[in-house]
Amino acid sequence: MSKKHGKHKSGQSGDGAGVTEPSGLSHGQVRPPSTSLWVHAADEIAGVAPGSVEAHGSGAVAAAPGIAVVAPGTPFDLAGVDTAADGGLDKDWTKEALREERARIDALQERLYAERRRSLLLVFQAIDTGGKDGTIRAVLKGVNPQGCTVASFKVPSAEELDHDFLWRYHARTPGRGMIGVFNRSHYEDVLVVRVKGLVPDAVWRARYGLINDFERLLAESGTTILKFFLHISKDEQRRRLEARIANPEKHWKFDPADLVERKSWDSYQEAFADALTRCSTPHAPWLVVPADKKWFRNYVIAKTVADTLAAMDPHFPDAAKDIADLVVPD
């Protein structure tokens, strides 16, 4: 095999802890419907220190090699990430490895869905043409749609604007047993809102802390959060825009406004860097993915999702007693 080779060893792992089983539930036992939990909520968290990420943590985030993990509290320089990196992997090998990672995700998702105790939220952010749609399609291909939801957030509606900025996002977070996907996310409210000057500076600046509180709430409620920033170069964006213009079947994806947005490239890069720096936390770190090469992007994200699900280690619930001895009547 050439210098571009196959498998790497295990990837980096972010800090994280497993879920502490609420009192009254044995390992693998399915929770009752969420509405019933309100009745004895205080009993469920008895003995657990309020606000403890360790006590409520939702599982380790396992970033694949080649992905940059933004260290909490440390300024992050996007220019320091090679958008064309491929990790030294062979493209043909990677395509086969992607199929293996998708099979792992499928099997682990079934266990997560059956267990119905925790959830996984995948957040995708990128500049225009960054590859969010293609990544979601490639990574989650074959996953049972019954256990997966995808929410795409565009310009807010009048009803959404009548609520706090997080309202529409919180309503689409995954329930227990589910994998949820945000195609764009709550970060739009410190990105496009900032660059376009849609709200005063003081408003969007205050949102970093509110976003961190929101994600901490989700994590402490049993949701593991994987936040992927798909990082492409300005030259790669130009190539992708030109390809859309040249292909009539891709015209539906092209918006002339994208050319106007491209003029704000530097402003968006600054806004992305600030969001990564201010909102990478131990319970929800930002993962920066070199995304010029789609095959590499898809593989490392799929591996990260599969490894994170494996770290969560969901289990099938205990079967009914003596079920193996039952006989199906004629």
C-alpha atoms as a PDB file:
ATOM      1  CA  MET A   1       0.000   0.000   0.000  1.00  0.00           C
ATOM      2  CA  SER A   2       1.274   3.510  -0.800  1.00  0.00           C
ATOM      3  CA  LYS A   3       1.984   6.182   1.740  1.00  0.00           C
ATOM      4  CA  LYS A   4      -1.754   6.811   1.766  1.00  0.00           C
ATOM      5  CA  HIS A   5      -2.945   3.936   3.811  1.00  0.00           C
ATOM      6  CA  GLY A   6      -5.916   2.479   5.509  1.00  0.00           C
ATOM      7  CA  LYS A   7      -6.968   2.202   9.084  1.00  0.00           C
ATOM      8  CA  HIS A   8      -5.755   4.476  11.816  1.00  0.00           C
ATOM      9  CA  LYS A   9      -5.910   3.427  15.414  1.00  0.00           C
ATOM     10  CA  SER A  10      -8.520   4.704  17.788  1.00  0.00           C
ATOM     11  CA  GLY A  11      -9.284   8.396  17.666  1.00  0.00           C
ATOM     12  CA  GLN A  12      -9.144  11.152  20.175  1.00  0.00           C
ATOM     13  CA  SER A  13     -11.806  11.272  22.805  1.00  0.00           C
ATOM     14  CA  GLY A  14     -13.278  14.298  24.494  1.00  0.00           C
ATOM     15  CA  ASP A  15     -14.030  14.338  28.170  1.00  0.00           C
ATOM     16  CA  GLY A  16     -17.376  12.863  29.098  1.00  0.00           C
ATOM     17  CA  ALA A  17     -19.086  10.521  31.502  1.00  0.00           C
ATOM     18  CA  GLY A  18     -21.716   7.849  31.229  1.00  0.00           C
ATOM     19  CA  VAL A  19     -25.294   8.367  32.284  1.00  0.00           C
ATOM     20  CA  THR A  20     -26.051   7.777  35.934  1.00  0.00           C
ATOM     21  CA  GLU A  21     -29.049   5.466  36.167  1.00  0.00           C
ATOM     22  CA  PRO A  22     -31.960   7.173  37.948  1.00  0.00           C
ATOM     23  CA  SER A  23     -33.108   5.496  41.121  1.00  0.00           C
ATOM     24  CA  GLY A  24     -35.642   2.754  40.537  1.00  0.00           C
ATOM     25  CA  LEU A  25     -34.317   1.800  37.068  1.00  0.00           C
ATOM     26  CA  SER A  26     -31.984  -1.137  36.574  1.00  0.00           C
ATOM     27  CA  HIS A  27     -29.457  -1.234  33.724  1.00  0.00           C
ATOM     28  CA  GLY A  28     -31.180  -1.690  30.392  1.00  0.00           C
ATOM     29  CA  GLN A  29     -34.678  -1.072  31.735  1.00  0.00           C
ATOM     30  CA  VAL A  30     -36.827   1.167  29.572  1.00  0.00           C
ATOM     31  CA  ARG A  31     -37.943   4.470  31.068  1.00  0.00           C
ATOM     32  CA  PRO A  32     -41.662   5.077  31.441  1.00  0.00           C
ATOM     33  CA  PRO A  33     -43.225   7.677  29.122  1.00  0.00           C
ATOM     34  CA  SER A  34     -41.707  11.091  29.747  1.00  0.00           C
ATOM     35  CA  THR A  35     -44.949  12.578  31.047  1.00  0.00           C
ATOM     36  CA  SER A  36     -44.985  10.151  33.961  1.00  0.00           C
ATOM     37  CA  LEU A  37     -41.501  11.249  35.030  1.00  0.00           C
ATOM     38  CA  TRP A  38     -42.824  14.575  36.244  1.00  0.00           C
ATOM     39  CA  VAL A  39     -44.740  12.863  39.029  1.00  0.00           C
ATOM     40  CA  HIS A  40     -41.638  11.601  40.800  1.00  0.00           C
ATOM     41  CA  ALA A  41     -38.986  13.866  39.270  1.00  0.00           C
ATOM     42  CA  ALA A  42     -37.517  14.759  42.643  1.00  0.00           C
ATOM     43  CA  ASP A  43     -37.164  11.086  43.548  1.00  0.00           C
ATOM     44  CA  GLU A  44     -35.424  10.329  40.253  1.00  0.00           C
ATOM     45  CA  ILE A  45     -32.602  12.792  40.905  1.00  0.00           C
ATOM     46  CA  ALA A  46     -32.327  12.209  44.652  1.00  0.00           C
ATOM     47  CA  GLY A  47     -28.712  11.998  45.729  1.00  0.00           C
ATOM     48  CA  VAL A  48     -27.384  13.584  42.519  1.00  0.00           C
ATOM     49  CA  ALA A  49     -25.626  16.913  42.864  1.00  0.00           C
ATOM     50  CA  PRO A  50     -27.548  19.627  40.993  1.00  0.00           C
ATOM     51  CA  GLY A  51     -25.727  20.926  37.951  1.00  0.00           C
ATOM     52  CA  SER A  52     -23.201  18.109  37.892  1.00  0.00           C
ATOM     53  CA  VAL A  53     -22.062  17.292  34.358  1.00  0.00           C
ATOM     54  CA  GLU A  54     -20.379  14.178  35.687  1.00  0.00           C
ATOM     55  CA  ALA A  55     -23.609  12.962  37.245  1.00  0.00           C
ATOM     56  CA  HIS A  56     -25.829  13.759  34.287  1.00  0.00           C
ATOM     57  CA  GLY A  57     -23.262  13.442  31.484  1.00  0.00           C
ATOM     58  CA  SER A  58     -24.528  11.803  28.325  1.00  0.00           C
ATOM     59  CA  GLY A  59     -21.469   9.991  27.006  1.00  0.00           C
ATOM     60  CA  ALA A  60     -18.002  10.577  25.580  1.00  0.00           C
ATOM     61  CA  VAL A  61     -17.462  12.385  22.300  1.00  0.00           C
ATOM     62  CA  ALA A  62     -15.002  10.326  20.250  1.00  0.00           C
ATOM     63  CA  ALA A  63     -13.513  12.431  17.445  1.00  0.00           C
ATOM     64  CA  ALA A  64     -11.870  10.521  14.592  1.00  0.00           C
ATOM     65  CA  PRO A  65      -8.248  11.298  13.654  1.00  0.00           C
ATOM     66  CA  GLY A  66      -8.115  14.238  11.279  1.00  0.00           C
ATOM     67  CA  ILE A  67     -10.834  16.195  13.086  1.00  0.00           C
ATOM     68  CA  ALA A  68      -9.729  19.193  15.152  1.00  0.00           C
ATOM     69  CA  VAL A  69     -11.352  19.328  18.584  1.00  0.00           C
ATOM     70  CA  VAL A  70     -11.736  22.904  19.810  1.00  0.00           C
ATOM     71  CA  ALA A  71     -10.357  23.078  23.334  1.00  0.00           C
ATOM     72  CA  PRO A  72     -12.843  24.753  25.698  1.00  0.00           C
ATOM     73  CA  GLY A  73     -11.825  28.270  26.644  1.00  0.00           C
ATOM     74  CA  THR A  74      -9.069  28.447  24.027  1.00  0.00           C
ATOM     75  CA  PRO A  75      -9.166  30.843  21.044  1.00  0.00           C
ATOM     76  CA  PHE A  76      -9.449  28.825  17.846  1.00  0.00           C
ATOM     77  CA  ASP A  77      -7.767  29.820  14.575  1.00  0.00           C
ATOM     78  CA  LEU A  78      -9.657  28.450  11.571  1.00  0.00           C
ATOM     79  CA  ALA A  79      -6.778  29.433   9.298  1.00  0.00           C
ATOM     80  CA  GLY A  80      -4.664  26.822  11.065  1.00  0.00           C
ATOM     81  CA  VAL A  81      -6.844  23.964   9.727  1.00  0.00           C
ATOM     82  CA  ASP A  82      -5.952  22.528   6.319  1.00  0.00           C
ATOM     83  CA  THR A  83      -9.326  22.281   4.593  1.00  0.00           C
ATOM     84  CA  ALA A  84      -7.889  19.858   1.998  1.00  0.00           C
ATOM     85  CA  ALA A  85      -6.455  17.408   4.544  1.00  0.00           C
ATOM     86  CA  ASP A  86      -7.176  13.743   3.925  1.00  0.00           C
ATOM     87  CA  GLY A  87      -5.437  12.127   6.886  1.00  0.00           C
ATOM     88  CA  GLY A  88      -3.143  10.159   4.602  1.00  0.00           C
ATOM     89  CA  LEU A  89      -5.998   7.805   3.763  1.00  0.00           C
ATOM     90  CA  ASP A  90      -6.553   5.976   0.518  1.00  0.00           C
ATOM     91  CA  LYS A  91      -9.757   7.126  -1.189  1.00  0.00           C
ATOM     92  CA  ASP A  92     -10.882   3.672  -2.331  1.00  0.00           C
ATOM     93  CA  TRP A  93     -10.199   2.134   1.082  1.00  0.00           C
ATOM     94  CA  THR A  94     -12.105   4.970   2.735  1.00  0.00           C
ATOM     95  CA  LYS A  95     -15.224   4.371   0.657  1.00  0.00           C
ATOM     96  CA  GLU A  96     -15.341   0.761   1.863  1.00  0.00           C
ATOM     97  CA  ALA A  97     -14.586   1.853   5.433  1.00  0.00           C
ATOM     98  CA  LEU A  98     -17.491   4.295   5.246  1.00  0.00           C
ATOM     99  CA  ARG A  99     -19.863   1.398   4.545  1.00  0.00           C
ATOM    100  CA  GLU A 100     -18.537  -0.378   7.630  1.00  0.00           C
ATOM    101  CA  GLU A 101     -19.047   2.711   9.800  1.00  0.00           C
ATOM    102  CA  ARG A 102     -22.600   3.109   8.495  1.00  0.00           C
ATOM    103  CA  ALA A 103     -23.309  -0.497   9.445  1.00  0.00           C
ATOM    104  CA  ARG A 104     -22.011   0.229  12.956  1.00  0.00           C
ATOM    105  CA  ILE A 105     -24.231   3.318  13.211  1.00  0.00           C
ATOM    106  CA  ASP A 106     -27.243   1.308  12.069  1.00  0.00           C
ATOM    107  CA  ALA A 107     -26.668  -1.430  14.645  1.00  0.00           C
ATOM    108  CA  LEU A 108     -25.980   0.985  17.495  1.00  0.00           C
ATOM    109  CA  GLN A 109     -28.951   3.166  16.564  1.00  0.00           C
ATOM    110  CA  GLU A 110     -31.224   0.141  16.941  1.00  0.00           C
ATOM    111  CA  ARG A 111     -29.887  -0.415  20.462  1.00  0.00           C
ATOM    112  CA  LEU A 112     -30.260   3.288  21.312  1.00  0.00           C
ATOM    113  CA  TYR A 113     -33.860   3.246  20.068  1.00  0.00           C
ATOM    114  CA  ALA A 114     -34.716   0.059  21.971  1.00  0.00           C
ATOM    115  CA  GLU A 115     -33.073   1.270  25.184  1.00  0.00           C
ATOM    116  CA  ARG A 116     -34.989   4.575  25.111  1.00  0.00           C
ATOM    117  CA  ARG A 117     -32.930   6.238  27.817  1.00  0.00           C
ATOM    118  CA  ARG A 118     -30.706   8.706  25.975  1.00  0.00           C
ATOM    119  CA  SER A 119     -30.422  10.520  22.664  1.00  0.00           C
ATOM    120  CA  LEU A 120     -27.799  11.797  20.240  1.00  0.00           C
ATOM    121  CA  LEU A 121     -27.886  15.223  18.585  1.00  0.00           C
ATOM    122  CA  LEU A 122     -25.757  15.884  15.488  1.00  0.00           C
ATOM    123  CA  VAL A 123     -25.284  19.580  14.703  1.00  0.00           C
ATOM    124  CA  PHE A 124     -23.953  20.592  11.274  1.00  0.00           C
ATOM    125  CA  GLN A 125     -22.748  24.094  10.478  1.00  0.00           C
ATOM    126  CA  ALA A 126     -20.865  25.339   7.425  1.00  0.00           C
ATOM    127  CA  ILE A 127     -20.649  28.222   5.045  1.00  0.00           C
ATOM    128  CA  ASP A 128     -22.748  27.980   1.859  1.00  0.00           C
ATOM    129  CA  THR A 129     -21.827  24.851  -0.202  1.00  0.00           C
ATOM    130  CA  GLY A 130     -19.993  23.475   2.830  1.00  0.00           C
ATOM    131  CA  GLY A 131     -21.619  20.064   2.389  1.00  0.00           C
ATOM    132  CA  LYS A 132     -24.174  19.723   5.157  1.00  0.00           C
ATOM    133  CA  ASP A 133     -26.826  18.008   3.003  1.00  0.00           C
ATOM    134  CA  GLY A 134     -24.354  15.623   1.385  1.00  0.00           C
ATOM    135  CA  THR A 135     -22.778  14.706   4.705  1.00  0.00           C
ATOM    136  CA  ILE A 136     -26.102  13.894   6.346  1.00  0.00           C
ATOM    137  CA  ARG A 137     -27.131  11.778   3.372  1.00  0.00           C
ATOM    138  CA  ALA A 138     -23.793   9.911   3.234  1.00  0.00           C
ATOM    139  CA  VAL A 139     -23.346   9.278   6.947  1.00  0.00           C
ATOM    140  CA  LEU A 140     -26.897   8.249   7.853  1.00  0.00           C
ATOM    141  CA  LYS A 141     -27.687   6.236   4.735  1.00  0.00           C
ATOM    142  CA  GLY A 142     -29.477   3.041   5.763  1.00  0.00           C
ATOM    143  CA  VAL A 143     -30.331   4.182   9.293  1.00  0.00           C
ATOM    144  CA  ASN A 144     -33.892   3.313  10.285  1.00  0.00           C
ATOM    145  CA  PRO A 145     -35.841   6.562   9.747  1.00  0.00           C
ATOM    146  CA  GLN A 146     -38.101   5.594  12.636  1.00  0.00           C
ATOM    147  CA  GLY A 147     -35.265   6.384  15.026  1.00  0.00           C
ATOM    148  CA  CYS A 148     -33.859   9.467  13.303  1.00  0.00           C
ATOM    149  CA  THR A 149     -35.155  13.007  12.754  1.00  0.00           C
ATOM    150  CA  VAL A 150     -33.669  15.785  10.602  1.00  0.00           C
ATOM    151  CA  ALA A 151     -34.510  19.448  11.152  1.00  0.00           C
ATOM    152  CA  SER A 152     -33.432  22.135   8.682  1.00  0.00           C
ATOM    153  CA  PHE A 153     -33.568  25.671  10.000  1.00  0.00           C
ATOM    154  CA  LYS A 154     -34.058  28.467   7.512  1.00  0.00           C
ATOM    155  CA  VAL A 155     -35.417  32.013   7.886  1.00  0.00           C
ATOM    156  CA  PRO A 156     -37.608  31.999  11.016  1.00  0.00           C
ATOM    157  CA  SER A 157     -41.359  32.275  10.602  1.00  0.00           C
ATOM    158  CA  ALA A 158     -43.487  35.000  12.164  1.00  0.00           C
ATOM    159  CA  GLU A 159     -44.513  32.607  14.924  1.00  0.00           C
ATOM    160  CA  GLU A 160     -40.900  31.692  15.654  1.00  0.00           C
ATOM    161  CA  LEU A 161     -39.918  35.343  15.809  1.00  0.00           C
ATOM    162  CA  ASP A 162     -42.592  35.866  18.458  1.00  0.00           C
ATOM    163  CA  HIS A 163     -40.649  33.558  20.811  1.00  0.00           C
ATOM    164  CA  ASP A 164     -37.140  33.545  22.239  1.00  0.00           C
ATOM    165  CA  PHE A 165     -34.472  32.626  19.679  1.00  0.00           C
ATOM    166  CA  LEU A 166     -33.964  29.105  21.069  1.00  0.00           C
ATOM    167  CA  TRP A 167     -37.647  28.159  21.052  1.00  0.00           C
ATOM    168  CA  ARG A 168     -37.743  26.674  17.566  1.00  0.00           C
ATOM    169  CA  TYR A 169     -34.557  24.671  18.135  1.00  0.00           C
ATOM    170  CA  HIS A 170     -35.540  23.225  21.498  1.00  0.00           C
ATOM    171  CA  ALA A 171     -38.793  21.990  19.989  1.00  0.00           C
ATOM    172  CA  ARG A 172     -36.827  19.851  17.502  1.00  0.00           C
ATOM    173  CA  THR A 173     -34.289  18.244  19.846  1.00  0.00           C
ATOM    174  CA  PRO A 174     -34.345  14.424  19.838  1.00  0.00           C
ATOM    175  CA  GLY A 175     -36.369  12.497  22.378  1.00  0.00           C
ATOM    176  CA  ARG A 176     -35.081   9.443  24.222  1.00  0.00           C
ATOM    177  CA  GLY A 177     -33.902   6.715  21.901  1.00  0.00           C
ATOM    178  CA  MET A 178     -33.571   9.053  18.921  1.00  0.00           C
ATOM    179  CA  ILE A 179     -30.776  10.435  16.772  1.00  0.00           C
ATOM    180  CA  GLY A 180     -31.579  14.039  15.911  1.00  0.00           C
ATOM    181  CA  VAL A 181     -29.885  16.043  13.164  1.00  0.00           C
ATOM    182  CA  PHE A 182     -29.729  19.817  12.922  1.00  0.00           C
ATOM    183  CA  ASN A 183     -28.991  20.977   9.365  1.00  0.00           C
ATOM    184  CA  ARG A 184     -27.995  24.488  10.401  1.00  0.00           C
ATOM    185  CA  SER A 185     -28.863  25.182  13.997  1.00  0.00           C
ATOM    186  CA  HIS A 186     -29.129  27.600  16.894  1.00  0.00           C
ATOM    187  CA  TYR A 187     -25.721  28.917  15.820  1.00  0.00           C
ATOM    188  CA  GLU A 188     -27.366  30.760  12.947  1.00  0.00           C
ATOM    189  CA  ASP A 189     -28.359  33.299  15.608  1.00  0.00           C
ATOM    190  CA  VAL A 190     -24.726  34.247  16.237  1.00  0.00           C
ATOM    191  CA  LEU A 191     -23.637  33.808  12.593  1.00  0.00           C
ATOM    192  CA  VAL A 192     -25.934  35.122   9.865  1.00  0.00           C
ATOM    193  CA  VAL A 193     -27.704  37.369  12.367  1.00  0.00           C
ATOM    194  CA  ARG A 194     -24.347  38.884  13.291  1.00  0.00           C
ATOM    195  CA  VAL A 195     -22.937  39.243   9.773  1.00  0.00           C
ATOM    196  CA  LYS A 196     -26.133  40.751   8.363  1.00  0.00           C
ATOM    197  CA  GLY A 197     -26.643  43.020  11.370  1.00  0.00           C
ATOM    198  CA  LEU A 198     -30.170  41.738  11.974  1.00  0.00           C
ATOM    199  CA  VAL A 199     -30.042  42.468  15.716  1.00  0.00           C
ATOM    200  CA  PRO A 200     -27.953  44.837  17.840  1.00  0.00           C
ATOM    201  CA  ASP A 201     -24.453  43.644  18.793  1.00  0.00           C
ATOM    202  CA  ALA A 202     -25.413  43.393  22.450  1.00  0.00           C
ATOM    203  CA  VAL A 203     -28.177  40.920  21.566  1.00  0.00           C
ATOM    204  CA  TRP A 204     -26.114  38.396  19.619  1.00  0.00           C
ATOM    205  CA  ARG A 205     -23.154  38.694  21.994  1.00  0.00           C
ATOM    206  CA  ALA A 206     -25.376  37.640  24.900  1.00  0.00           C
ATOM    207  CA  ARG A 207     -26.461  34.545  22.995  1.00  0.00           C
ATOM    208  CA  TYR A 208     -23.170  32.674  23.382  1.00  0.00           C
ATOM    209  CA  GLY A 209     -23.828  32.145  27.067  1.00  0.00           C
ATOM    210  CA  LEU A 210     -27.463  31.246  26.438  1.00  0.00           C
ATOM    211  CA  ILE A 211     -26.410  28.664  23.845  1.00  0.00           C
ATOM    212  CA  ASN A 212     -23.957  27.118  26.310  1.00  0.00           C
ATOM    213  CA  ASP A 213     -26.688  26.931  28.942  1.00  0.00           C
ATOM    214  CA  PHE A 214     -29.066  25.349  26.398  1.00  0.00           C
ATOM    215  CA  GLU A 215     -26.553  22.682  25.424  1.00  0.00           C
ATOM    216  CA  ARG A 216     -25.683  21.988  29.042  1.00  0.00           C
ATOM    217  CA  LEU A 217     -29.393  21.434  29.737  1.00  0.00           C
ATOM    218  CA  LEU A 218     -29.582  18.938  26.895  1.00  0.00           C
ATOM    219  CA  ALA A 219     -26.437  17.132  28.039  1.00  0.00           C
ATOM    220  CA  GLU A 220     -27.638  16.891  31.616  1.00  0.00           C
ATOM    221  CA  SER A 221     -30.945  15.537  30.351  1.00  0.00           C
ATOM    222  CA  GLY A 222     -29.237  12.630  28.588  1.00  0.00           C
ATOM    223  CA  THR A 223     -28.438  13.989  25.127  1.00  0.00           C
ATOM    224  CA  THR A 224     -24.941  13.533  23.727  1.00  0.00           C
ATOM    225  CA  ILE A 225     -24.117  16.429  21.392  1.00  0.00           C
ATOM    226  CA  LEU A 226     -21.802  16.204  18.379  1.00  0.00           C
ATOM    227  CA  LYS A 227     -21.197  19.586  16.741  1.00  0.00           C
ATOM    228  CA  PHE A 228     -19.493  19.471  13.345  1.00  0.00           C
ATOM    229  CA  PHE A 229     -18.162  22.531  11.561  1.00  0.00           C
ATOM    230  CA  LEU A 230     -17.508  21.561   7.929  1.00  0.00           C
ATOM    231  CA  HIS A 231     -14.546  23.715   6.964  1.00  0.00           C
ATOM    232  CA  ILE A 232     -13.952  24.417   3.264  1.00  0.00           C
ATOM    233  CA  SER A 233     -11.660  26.892   1.534  1.00  0.00           C
ATOM    234  CA  LYS A 234     -12.826  29.921  -0.411  1.00  0.00           C
ATOM    235  CA  ASP A 235     -11.441  28.363  -3.598  1.00  0.00           C
ATOM    236  CA  GLU A 236     -13.408  25.177  -2.956  1.00  0.00           C
ATOM    237  CA  GLN A 237     -16.586  27.180  -2.443  1.00  0.00           C
ATOM    238  CA  ARG A 238     -16.004  28.874  -5.807  1.00  0.00           C
ATOM    239  CA  ARG A 239     -15.594  25.492  -7.517  1.00  0.00           C
ATOM    240  CA  ARG A 240     -18.791  24.179  -5.959  1.00  0.00           C
ATOM    241  CA  LEU A 241     -20.779  27.272  -6.893  1.00  0.00           C
ATOM    242  CA  GLU A 242     -19.493  27.053 -10.467  1.00  0.00           C
ATOM    243  CA  ALA A 243     -20.433  23.363 -10.599  1.00  0.00           C
ATOM    244  CA  ARG A 244     -24.000  24.189  -9.547  1.00  0.00           C
ATOM    245  CA  ILE A 245     -24.278  26.861 -12.206  1.00  0.00           C
ATOM    246  CA  ALA A 246     -22.926  24.487 -14.874  1.00  0.00           C
ATOM    247  CA  ASN A 247     -25.297  21.609 -14.018  1.00  0.00           C
ATOM    248  CA  PRO A 248     -29.013  22.236 -14.784  1.00  0.00           C
ATOM    249  CA  GLU A 249     -29.980  19.478 -12.339  1.00  0.00           C
ATOM    250  CA  LYS A 250     -28.289  21.456  -9.550  1.00  0.00           C
ATOM    251  CA  HIS A 251     -29.877  24.805 -10.360  1.00  0.00           C
ATOM    252  CA  TRP A 252     -32.508  24.186  -7.678  1.00  0.00           C
ATOM    253  CA  LYS A 253     -29.703  24.280  -5.106  1.00  0.00           C
ATOM    254  CA  PHE A 254     -28.279  27.535  -6.408  1.00  0.00           C
ATOM    255  CA  ASP A 255     -29.421  30.850  -5.022  1.00  0.00           C
ATOM    256  CA  PRO A 256     -27.992  34.022  -6.601  1.00  0.00           C
ATOM    257  CA  ALA A 257     -27.900  35.391  -3.062  1.00  0.00           C
ATOM    258  CA  ASP A 258     -25.033  32.948  -2.415  1.00  0.00           C
ATOM    259  CA  LEU A 259     -22.826  35.157  -4.585  1.00  0.00           C
ATOM    260  CA  VAL A 260     -23.704  38.149  -2.418  1.00  0.00           C
ATOM    261  CA  GLU A 261     -23.022  36.138   0.744  1.00  0.00           C
ATOM    262  CA  ARG A 262     -19.616  35.137  -0.650  1.00  0.00           C
ATOM    263  CA  LYS A 263     -18.570  38.790  -0.476  1.00  0.00           C
ATOM    264  CA  SER A 264     -18.898  38.476   3.306  1.00  0.00           C
ATOM    265  CA  TRP A 265     -16.516  35.491   3.457  1.00  0.00           C
ATOM    266  CA  ASP A 266     -14.099  37.124   5.912  1.00  0.00           C
ATOM    267  CA  SER A 267     -16.918  38.291   8.182  1.00  0.00           C
ATOM    268  CA  TYR A 268     -18.373  34.783   8.270  1.00  0.00           C
ATOM    269  CA  GLN A 269     -14.974  33.245   9.036  1.00  0.00           C
ATOM    270  CA  GLU A 270     -14.610  35.636  11.973  1.00  0.00           C
ATOM    271  CA  ALA A 271     -18.117  34.825  13.190  1.00  0.00           C
ATOM    272  CA  PHE A 272     -17.510  31.072  12.901  1.00  0.00           C
ATOM    273  CA  ALA A 273     -14.213  31.350  14.795  1.00  0.00           C
ATOM    274  CA  ASP A 274     -15.871  33.269  17.628  1.00  0.00           C
ATOM    275  CA  ALA A 275     -18.711  30.735  17.888  1.00  0.00           C
ATOM    276  CA  LEU A 276     -16.245  27.835  17.982  1.00  0.00           C
ATOM    277  CA  THR A 277     -14.146  29.549  20.634  1.00  0.00           C
ATOM    278  CA  ARG A 278     -16.978  30.725  22.867  1.00  0.00           C
ATOM    279  CA  CYS A 279     -19.231  27.671  22.581  1.00  0.00           C
ATOM    280  CA  SER A 280     -16.871  24.705  22.737  1.00  0.00           C
ATOM    281  CA  THR A 281     -17.475  23.200  26.168  1.00  0.00           C
ATOM    282  CA  PRO A 282     -16.634  19.912  27.918  1.00  0.00           C
ATOM    283  CA  HIS A 283     -20.223  18.703  27.456  1.00  0.00           C
ATOM    284  CA  ALA A 284     -20.524  19.918  23.837  1.00  0.00           C
ATOM    285  CA  PRO A 285     -17.143  20.481  22.154  1.00  0.00           C
ATOM    286  CA  TRP A 286     -16.883  21.783  18.605  1.00  0.00           C
ATOM    287  CA  LEU A 287     -15.338  19.447  16.017  1.00  0.00           C
ATOM    288  CA  VAL A 288     -13.767  21.098  12.961  1.00  0.00           C
ATOM    289  CA  VAL A 289     -13.762  18.820   9.913  1.00  0.00           C
ATOM    290  CA  PRO A 290     -11.535  19.425   6.865  1.00  0.00           C
ATOM    291  CA  ALA A 291     -14.243  19.277   4.203  1.00  0.00           C
ATOM    292  CA  ASP A 292     -12.752  20.067   0.802  1.00  0.00           C
ATOM    293  CA  LYS A 293     -12.550  16.322   0.087  1.00  0.00           C
ATOM    294  CA  LYS A 294     -16.031  14.915   0.500  1.00  0.00           C
ATOM    295  CA  TRP A 295     -14.927  11.283   0.802  1.00  0.00           C
ATOM    296  CA  PHE A 296     -12.638  12.111   3.728  1.00  0.00           C
ATOM    297  CA  ARG A 297     -15.257  14.332   5.374  1.00  0.00           C
ATOM    298  CA  ASN A 298     -17.917  11.615   5.183  1.00  0.00           C
ATOM    299  CA  TYR A 299     -15.669   8.914   6.596  1.00  0.00           C
ATOM    300  CA  VAL A 300     -14.294  10.802   9.603  1.00  0.00           C
ATOM    301  CA  ILE A 301     -17.747  12.073  10.562  1.00  0.00           C
ATOM    302  CA  ALA A 302     -19.280   8.594  10.235  1.00  0.00           C
ATOM    303  CA  LYS A 303     -16.484   7.147  12.355  1.00  0.00           C
ATOM    304  CA  THR A 304     -16.995   9.854  14.967  1.00  0.00           C
ATOM    305  CA  VAL A 305     -20.737   9.154  15.135  1.00  0.00           C
ATOM    306  CA  ALA A 306     -20.176   5.382  15.341  1.00  0.00           C
ATOM    307  CA  ASP A 307     -17.441   5.665  17.979  1.00  0.00           C
ATOM    308  CA  THR A 308     -19.515   8.080  20.056  1.00  0.00           C
ATOM    309  CA  LEU A 309     -22.531   5.756  19.947  1.00  0.00           C
ATOM    310  CA  ALA A 310     -20.233   2.896  20.967  1.00  0.00           C
ATOM    311  CA  ALA A 311     -18.970   4.996  23.897  1.00  0.00           C
ATOM    312  CA  MET A 312     -22.571   5.628  24.930  1.00  0.00           C
ATOM    313  CA  ASP A 313     -22.922   1.820  24.917  1.00  0.00           C
ATOM    314  CA  PRO A 314     -26.715   1.516  24.605  1.00  0.00           C
ATOM    315  CA  HIS A 315     -28.221  -1.843  25.558  1.00  0.00           C
ATOM    316  CA  PHE A 316     -31.327  -3.675  24.513  1.00  0.00           C
ATOM    317  CA  PRO A 317     -33.841  -3.701  27.400  1.00  0.00           C
ATOM    318  CA  ASP A 318     -34.324  -6.882  29.375  1.00  0.00           C
ATOM    319  CA  ALA A 319     -36.721  -9.284  27.713  1.00  0.00           C
ATOM    320  CA  ALA A 320     -39.927 -10.364  29.369  1.00  0.00           C
ATOM    321  CA  LYS A 321     -39.385 -13.249  31.778  1.00  0.00           C
ATOM    322  CA  ASP A 322     -39.352 -16.715  30.178  1.00  0.00           C
ATOM    323  CA  ILE A 323     -40.021 -15.262  26.717  1.00  0.00           C
ATOM    324  CA  ALA A 324     -37.671 -17.800  25.151  1.00  0.00           C
ATOM    325  CA  ASP A 325     -39.925 -20.608  26.353  1.00  0.00           C
ATOM    326  CA  LEU A 326     -43.078 -19.235  24.736  1.00  0.00           C
ATOM    327  CA  VAL A 327     -44.698 -21.113  21.860  1.00  0.00           C
ATOM    328  CA  VAL A 328     -46.550 -19.349  19.066  1.00  0.00           C
ATOM    329  CA  PRO A 329     -49.961 -21.005  18.712  1.00  0.00           C
ATOM    330  CA  ASP A 330     -51.148 -22.421  15.381  1.00  0.00           C
END
